[in-house]
Amino acid sequence: MNSSTDVWRDVQEIRKRSPIIHNITNYVVMNSTANALLAIGASPVMAHAEEEVEEMVGIANALVVNIGTLSAPWIASMRLAVHAAARKGIPLVLDPVGAGATRLRTDTAHELLHLVPPTVIRGNASEILALFQTGNAARGVDSQHDSESAVEAARALSQRHGCVVSVSGETDFIVQGGRTAKIHNGHAMMTRVTGLGCTASALTGAFCAINPDAFEAATHAMGVMGVAGEMAETLSFGPGSLQVQFLDQLHQLREFDLAERLRMEKA
């Protein structure tokens, strides 16, 4: 099967099985990431209270941990959740939002990495570089580096933690061991909409929930993000309408769209 056929198979499986994706994520993106999961066909849960987080992991098919708006209670819940995910054996996606910008973010990302190795780390180039070498400054949650500059750091993190690393950018790079994929889809206007990187992490959780090959799952998630973003841009007048059109294109995505638009390389 070609690449677009593989991606379409996973999209159909998400729509068929509607996996429950538990997100401990940030205030900025809760609504948008939940809607994106619903649009692709998954079932989102946004729960961060210490009193219920382990129980919620117990009914989930994947856990996505996003450190975008940290506080002491949320960090405690993240610790509980990643251990619960490990006990259950479900995929864990870590999004180290803003790692390198502050000590709290960087230290929390490192702590979570060492508590339970994630299935996938998904971040922009600056975040991946910061995880690889603490002290590499980031500008808030935006990347100051292009994705290709972080590939070797991503490969080192993959080897260190035994996980897939997905680096978003103009070209998305997904690495695991000797495997590398590049996704050449997407549009520059996507960078003008807050939370689309977090959406990529949430969708990665959905694909990991139905595809046991985490490298393939992470690659397919980024392919769908890019294709939906491109299609949304053709119908948009700016960032505001892009947000709405992105959800619609996720919901309406067809096999033809992937076959026509997906630009994926694997090595």
Protein backbone atom coordinates (compact mmCIF):
# COMPACT_ATOMS: atom_id res chain seq x y z
CA MET A 1 0.00 0.00 0.00
CA ASN A 2 1.17 3.57 -0.64
CA SER A 3 1.54 6.14 2.11
CA SER A 4 -1.83 7.84 1.60
CA THR A 5 -3.59 4.47 1.75
CA ASP A 6 -1.93 3.71 5.07
CA VAL A 7 -2.96 7.07 6.48
CA TRP A 8 -6.53 6.66 5.25
CA ARG A 9 -6.71 3.24 6.88
CA ASP A 10 -5.86 4.83 10.22
CA VAL A 11 -8.39 7.64 9.73
CA GLN A 12 -11.09 5.05 9.06
CA GLU A 13 -10.06 3.10 12.14
CA ILE A 14 -10.33 6.21 14.34
CA ARG A 15 -13.78 6.93 12.95
CA LYS A 16 -14.83 3.32 13.49
CA ARG A 17 -13.47 2.85 17.01
CA SER A 18 -13.75 6.41 18.40
CA PRO A 19 -10.86 5.96 20.87
CA ILE A 20 -11.01 7.88 24.14
CA ILE A 21 -8.11 10.32 24.33
CA HIS A 22 -7.43 11.69 27.81
CA ASN A 23 -5.81 15.12 27.63
CA ILE A 24 -4.13 16.93 30.48
CA THR A 25 -3.59 20.07 28.49
CA ASN A 26 -3.52 23.84 28.81
CA TYR A 27 -6.29 26.38 29.26
CA VAL A 28 -5.55 28.03 25.92
CA VAL A 29 -6.27 24.98 23.77
CA MET A 30 -8.81 22.82 25.60
CA ASN A 31 -11.71 23.75 23.36
CA SER A 32 -9.81 23.61 20.07
CA THR A 33 -8.07 20.30 20.75
CA ALA A 34 -11.27 18.68 21.98
CA ASN A 35 -13.07 19.81 18.84
CA ALA A 36 -10.25 18.56 16.61
CA LEU A 37 -10.44 15.12 18.23
CA LEU A 38 -14.20 15.07 17.73
CA ALA A 39 -13.77 16.18 14.11
CA ILE A 40 -11.38 13.33 13.28
CA GLY A 41 -13.70 10.85 15.02
CA ALA A 42 -12.08 10.34 18.43
CA SER A 43 -13.62 10.96 21.88
CA PRO A 44 -11.81 13.62 23.94
CA VAL A 45 -11.66 13.78 27.73
CA MET A 46 -10.15 16.82 29.45
CA ALA A 47 -9.53 15.92 33.10
CA HIS A 48 -6.76 17.18 35.35
CA ALA A 49 -8.01 16.91 38.95
CA GLU A 50 -5.79 14.74 41.14
CA GLU A 51 -8.89 13.13 42.63
CA GLU A 52 -9.99 11.58 39.31
CA VAL A 53 -7.07 11.60 36.92
CA GLU A 54 -5.96 7.99 37.51
CA GLU A 55 -9.51 6.72 37.18
CA MET A 56 -9.93 8.65 33.94
CA VAL A 57 -6.73 7.17 32.52
CA GLY A 58 -8.26 3.81 33.33
CA ILE A 59 -10.99 4.29 30.72
CA ALA A 60 -8.79 5.97 28.10
CA ASN A 61 -7.11 4.51 25.03
CA ALA A 62 -4.28 7.07 25.05
CA LEU A 63 -2.97 9.86 27.29
CA VAL A 64 -1.72 13.23 26.03
CA VAL A 65 0.18 15.40 28.52
CA ASN A 66 0.72 19.03 27.51
CA ILE A 67 2.66 21.37 29.83
CA GLY A 68 1.42 24.64 28.32
CA THR A 69 -0.09 26.16 31.50
CA LEU A 70 1.58 24.61 34.51
CA SER A 71 0.73 24.82 38.19
CA ALA A 72 1.73 22.67 41.15
CA PRO A 73 -1.61 20.75 41.26
CA TRP A 74 -1.49 20.09 37.52
CA ILE A 75 2.08 18.80 37.75
CA ALA A 76 1.01 16.44 40.54
CA SER A 77 -1.84 15.20 38.36
CA MET A 78 0.55 14.68 35.45
CA ARG A 79 2.77 12.50 37.63
CA LEU A 80 -0.19 10.37 38.66
CA ALA A 81 -1.50 10.14 35.10
CA VAL A 82 1.73 9.01 33.43
CA HIS A 83 2.18 6.26 36.03
CA ALA A 84 -1.43 5.17 35.49
CA ALA A 85 -0.88 5.09 31.72
CA ALA A 86 2.22 2.94 32.19
CA ARG A 87 0.33 0.52 34.42
CA LYS A 88 -2.47 0.23 31.88
CA GLY A 89 -0.07 0.03 28.93
CA ILE A 90 -1.68 2.76 26.84
CA PRO A 91 0.24 5.19 24.59
CA LEU A 92 1.58 8.36 26.17
CA VAL A 93 2.21 11.52 24.13
CA LEU A 94 4.22 14.31 25.78
CA ASP A 95 4.05 17.86 24.42
CA PRO A 96 6.78 19.94 26.15
CA VAL A 97 5.19 23.31 25.36
CA GLY A 98 7.67 26.13 25.91
CA ALA A 99 10.45 23.89 27.20
CA GLY A 100 13.56 26.07 27.40
CA ALA A 101 11.58 29.26 28.07
CA THR A 102 11.47 28.86 31.86
CA ARG A 103 13.05 26.57 34.41
CA LEU A 104 9.64 25.28 35.54
CA ARG A 105 8.68 24.12 32.05
CA THR A 106 12.06 22.60 31.30
CA ASP A 107 12.38 20.83 34.64
CA THR A 108 8.81 19.50 34.47
CA ALA A 109 9.34 18.13 30.97
CA HIS A 110 12.54 16.40 32.07
CA GLU A 111 10.88 15.01 35.19
CA LEU A 112 7.99 13.53 33.21
CA LEU A 113 10.39 12.07 30.65
CA HIS A 114 12.27 10.26 33.37
CA LEU A 115 9.22 9.15 35.36
CA VAL A 116 7.71 7.24 32.43
CA PRO A 117 9.26 7.12 28.96
CA PRO A 118 6.63 8.47 26.54
CA THR A 119 5.49 6.75 23.41
CA VAL A 120 5.90 9.98 21.45
CA ILE A 121 7.46 13.36 22.21
CA ARG A 122 5.89 15.98 19.94
CA GLY A 123 7.13 19.55 19.88
CA ASN A 124 8.60 22.32 17.79
CA ALA A 125 12.31 22.55 17.08
CA SER A 126 13.16 24.86 20.00
CA GLU A 127 11.33 22.61 22.46
CA ILE A 128 13.10 19.49 21.19
CA LEU A 129 16.48 21.21 21.31
CA ALA A 130 15.77 22.40 24.86
CA LEU A 131 14.94 18.87 25.98
CA PHE A 132 18.13 17.61 24.41
CA GLN A 133 20.32 20.33 25.90
CA THR A 134 18.85 22.24 28.84
CA GLY A 135 19.50 25.96 28.68
CA ASN A 136 18.63 26.40 25.00
CA ALA A 137 16.33 29.43 25.19
CA ALA A 138 12.94 29.50 23.52
CA ARG A 139 10.79 32.54 22.76
CA GLY A 140 7.71 31.71 24.79
CA VAL A 141 6.06 28.72 23.15
CA ASP A 142 7.14 29.68 19.61
CA SER A 143 10.06 28.07 17.83
CA GLN A 144 13.17 30.09 17.06
CA HIS A 145 14.64 27.24 15.02
CA ASP A 146 13.65 25.41 11.87
CA SER A 147 12.64 21.78 12.24
CA GLU A 148 15.61 20.38 10.34
CA SER A 149 18.02 21.92 12.87
CA ALA A 150 16.48 19.72 15.57
CA VAL A 151 16.61 16.38 13.75
CA GLU A 152 19.83 15.15 15.36
CA ALA A 153 18.62 16.24 18.80
CA ALA A 154 15.35 14.42 18.10
CA ARG A 155 17.24 11.28 17.13
CA ALA A 156 19.31 11.45 20.32
CA LEU A 157 16.17 11.92 22.45
CA SER A 158 14.55 8.99 20.66
CA GLN A 159 17.49 6.76 21.51
CA ARG A 160 17.77 8.07 25.08
CA HIS A 161 14.12 7.52 25.96
CA GLY A 162 13.19 4.71 23.55
CA CYS A 163 10.42 6.72 21.94
CA VAL A 164 9.30 8.41 18.74
CA VAL A 165 10.10 12.12 18.42
CA SER A 166 7.92 14.29 16.17
CA VAL A 167 9.26 17.75 15.29
CA SER A 168 6.81 20.18 13.72
CA GLY A 169 7.79 22.98 11.37
CA GLU A 170 7.68 24.00 7.72
CA THR A 171 8.68 20.37 7.17
CA ASP A 172 7.67 17.95 9.92
CA PHE A 173 10.28 15.36 10.89
CA ILE A 174 9.38 12.14 12.71
CA VAL A 175 12.24 9.94 13.93
CA GLN A 176 12.69 6.66 15.75
CA GLY A 177 15.99 4.83 15.71
CA GLY A 178 17.01 4.53 12.09
CA ARG A 179 13.56 5.48 10.78
CA THR A 180 12.82 8.98 9.51
CA ALA A 181 9.73 10.47 7.92
CA LYS A 182 9.22 13.93 6.46
CA ILE A 183 5.86 15.61 5.94
CA HIS A 184 5.89 18.51 3.49
CA ASN A 185 2.27 19.55 3.98
CA GLY A 186 0.76 22.48 5.86
CA HIS A 187 0.58 26.23 5.33
CA ALA A 188 2.31 29.22 6.89
CA MET A 189 -1.02 30.65 8.10
CA MET A 190 -1.28 27.75 10.53
CA THR A 191 1.43 29.42 12.61
CA ARG A 192 -0.94 32.37 13.15
CA VAL A 193 -3.49 30.20 14.98
CA THR A 194 -2.70 29.41 18.61
CA GLY A 195 -2.89 25.79 19.64
CA LEU A 196 -2.44 23.99 16.34
CA GLY A 197 0.79 22.44 17.63
CA CYS A 198 -1.15 21.22 20.65
CA THR A 199 -3.79 19.90 18.26
CA ALA A 200 -1.07 17.92 16.49
CA SER A 201 -0.19 16.28 19.80
CA ALA A 202 -3.83 15.45 20.54
CA LEU A 203 -4.26 13.91 17.09
CA THR A 204 -1.03 11.98 17.59
CA GLY A 205 -2.65 10.46 20.66
CA ALA A 206 -5.66 9.42 18.60
CA PHE A 207 -3.54 7.76 15.92
CA CYS A 208 -1.38 6.02 18.56
CA ALA A 209 -4.56 4.66 20.16
CA ILE A 210 -5.45 2.68 17.01
CA ASN A 211 -2.03 1.96 15.45
CA PRO A 212 0.47 0.00 17.58
CA ASP A 213 3.37 1.24 15.42
CA ALA A 214 3.99 4.58 17.12
CA PHE A 215 6.30 5.82 14.36
CA GLU A 216 3.62 5.22 11.73
CA ALA A 217 0.93 6.68 13.99
CA ALA A 218 2.89 9.89 14.65
CA THR A 219 3.72 10.24 10.96
CA HIS A 220 0.12 9.73 9.88
CA ALA A 221 -1.12 12.27 12.43
CA MET A 222 1.22 14.94 11.08
CA GLY A 223 0.23 14.09 7.51
CA VAL A 224 -3.45 14.57 8.32
CA MET A 225 -2.68 17.85 10.15
CA GLY A 226 -0.82 19.19 7.14
CA VAL A 227 -3.36 18.14 4.54
CA ALA A 228 -6.30 19.48 6.55
CA GLY A 229 -4.43 22.75 7.11
CA GLU A 230 -3.72 23.17 3.41
CA MET A 231 -7.33 22.53 2.46
CA ALA A 232 -8.55 24.87 5.19
CA GLU A 233 -6.32 27.69 3.94
CA THR A 234 -7.84 27.56 0.45
CA LEU A 235 -11.25 28.34 2.00
CA SER A 236 -10.07 30.90 4.58
CA PHE A 237 -9.67 34.68 4.68
CA GLY A 238 -7.34 34.70 7.66
CA PRO A 239 -6.49 32.93 10.92
CA GLY A 240 -10.02 33.20 12.33
CA SER A 241 -11.73 31.41 9.47
CA LEU A 242 -8.81 28.98 9.22
CA GLN A 243 -9.66 27.63 12.68
CA VAL A 244 -13.22 26.85 11.63
CA GLN A 245 -12.25 25.45 8.24
CA PHE A 246 -9.55 23.27 9.79
CA LEU A 247 -12.15 21.47 11.92
CA ASP A 248 -14.46 21.10 8.92
CA GLN A 249 -11.70 19.67 6.75
CA LEU A 250 -10.72 17.16 9.45
CA HIS A 251 -14.34 16.07 9.66
CA GLN A 252 -14.81 15.86 5.89
CA LEU A 253 -11.40 14.36 5.05
CA ARG A 254 -11.62 11.79 2.25
CA GLU A 255 -9.27 9.21 0.82
CA PHE A 256 -9.09 11.29 -2.36
CA ASP A 257 -7.79 14.31 -0.42
CA LEU A 258 -4.89 12.31 1.00
CA ALA A 259 -4.08 10.67 -2.32
CA GLU A 260 -4.12 14.07 -4.04
CA ARG A 261 -2.26 16.16 -1.47
CA LEU A 262 -0.14 14.08 0.92
CA ARG A 263 3.59 14.74 0.47
CA MET A 264 5.36 12.23 2.69
CA GLU A 265 8.86 10.80 2.56
CA LYS A 266 10.03 7.82 4.58
CA ALA A 267 13.53 6.41 5.00
